Amino acid sequence: MAYKISDECIMCGACASECPVNAISEGDGKYEIDPDTCIDCGTCAGVCPVEAPKAE
C-alpha cells in the first residue's frame, strides 16, 4: 500500500526531494503522495522531521 502524508506535515519538502519515483508533490497546506506512483519504499518517512508520511 502507498504511503499517505498526515496533517502533521510542515511543508519542508524533505520527502519530495528524496522520493525515488517523484510521487510526492506540494498540495494545499501539506505535501501529497500519488498512490498510483508510490512504490511503498518508505524513504519519505525516513527523512521527515515530523513523521508525517505513514504507511496506509
C-alpha atoms as a PDB file:
ATOM      1  CA  MET A   1       0.000   0.000   0.000  1.00  0.00           C
ATOM      2  CA  ALA A   2       1.077   3.545  -0.655  1.00  0.00           C
ATOM      3  CA  TYR A   3       2.183   5.996   1.992  1.00  0.00           C
ATOM      4  CA  LYS A   4      -0.001   8.963   2.887  1.00  0.00           C
ATOM      5  CA  ILE A   5       1.084  12.276   4.421  1.00  0.00           C
ATOM      6  CA  SER A   6      -0.771  13.285   7.572  1.00  0.00           C
ATOM      7  CA  ASP A   7      -1.796  16.772   8.654  1.00  0.00           C
ATOM      8  CA  GLU A   8       1.384  16.906  10.754  1.00  0.00           C
ATOM      9  CA  CYS A   9       3.245  17.936   7.555  1.00  0.00           C
ATOM     10  CA  ILE A  10       5.182  21.194   7.964  1.00  0.00           C
ATOM     11  CA  MET A  11       5.767  21.679   4.201  1.00  0.00           C
ATOM     12  CA  CYS A  12       9.568  21.388   4.491  1.00  0.00           C
ATOM     13  CA  GLY A  13       9.891  19.412   1.245  1.00  0.00           C
ATOM     14  CA  ALA A  14      12.378  16.854   2.579  1.00  0.00           C
ATOM     15  CA  CYS A  15      10.184  13.956   1.459  1.00  0.00           C
ATOM     16  CA  ALA A  16       9.632  15.254  -2.068  1.00  0.00           C
ATOM     17  CA  SER A  17      13.321  15.723  -2.773  1.00  0.00           C
ATOM     18  CA  GLU A  18      14.115  12.166  -1.598  1.00  0.00           C
ATOM     19  CA  CYS A  19      11.317  10.260  -3.366  1.00  0.00           C
ATOM     20  CA  PRO A  20      12.949   7.983  -5.976  1.00  0.00           C
ATOM     21  CA  VAL A  21       9.852   7.909  -8.205  1.00  0.00           C
ATOM     22  CA  ASN A  22       8.726  11.555  -7.823  1.00  0.00           C
ATOM     23  CA  ALA A  23       5.397  10.540  -6.290  1.00  0.00           C
ATOM     24  CA  ILE A  24       5.287  13.488  -3.866  1.00  0.00           C
ATOM     25  CA  SER A  25       4.082  16.962  -4.810  1.00  0.00           C
ATOM     26  CA  GLU A  26       3.169  20.146  -3.000  1.00  0.00           C
ATOM     27  CA  GLY A  27      -0.504  20.204  -2.097  1.00  0.00           C
ATOM     28  CA  ASP A  28      -2.790  22.643  -0.336  1.00  0.00           C
ATOM     29  CA  GLY A  29      -1.261  23.039   3.120  1.00  0.00           C
ATOM     30  CA  LYS A  30       0.751  19.795   3.006  1.00  0.00           C
ATOM     31  CA  TYR A  31       2.602  17.577   0.582  1.00  0.00           C
ATOM     32  CA  GLU A  32       0.683  14.766  -1.111  1.00  0.00           C
ATOM     33  CA  ILE A  33       1.691  11.330  -2.343  1.00  0.00           C
ATOM     34  CA  ASP A  34       0.281   9.930  -5.589  1.00  0.00           C
ATOM     35  CA  PRO A  35      -0.807   6.405  -4.574  1.00  0.00           C
ATOM     36  CA  ASP A  36      -0.516   5.125  -8.150  1.00  0.00           C
ATOM     37  CA  THR A  37       3.139   6.203  -8.373  1.00  0.00           C
ATOM     38  CA  CYS A  38       4.267   5.398  -4.811  1.00  0.00           C
ATOM     39  CA  ILE A  39       6.344   2.201  -4.580  1.00  0.00           C
ATOM     40  CA  ASP A  40       5.987   1.911  -0.782  1.00  0.00           C
ATOM     41  CA  CYS A  41       9.742   2.220  -0.192  1.00  0.00           C
ATOM     42  CA  GLY A  42       9.476   4.320   2.981  1.00  0.00           C
ATOM     43  CA  THR A  43      12.194   6.793   2.023  1.00  0.00           C
ATOM     44  CA  CYS A  44       9.852   9.709   2.680  1.00  0.00           C
ATOM     45  CA  ALA A  45       9.085   8.501   6.193  1.00  0.00           C
ATOM     46  CA  GLY A  46      12.786   8.129   6.923  1.00  0.00           C
ATOM     47  CA  VAL A  47      13.638  11.753   6.112  1.00  0.00           C
ATOM     48  CA  CYS A  48      10.568  13.535   7.514  1.00  0.00           C
ATOM     49  CA  PRO A  49      11.384  15.528  10.678  1.00  0.00           C
ATOM     50  CA  VAL A  50       7.798  15.239  11.984  1.00  0.00           C
ATOM     51  CA  GLU A  51       6.994  11.676  10.826  1.00  0.00           C
ATOM     52  CA  ALA A  52       4.103  12.852   8.629  1.00  0.00           C
ATOM     53  CA  PRO A  53       4.322  10.101   5.948  1.00  0.00           C
ATOM     54  CA  LYS A  54       2.548   6.999   7.213  1.00  0.00           C
ATOM     55  CA  ALA A  55       2.036   3.586   5.656  1.00  0.00           C
ATOM     56  CA  GLU A  56      -1.619   3.073   4.894  1.00  0.00           C
END
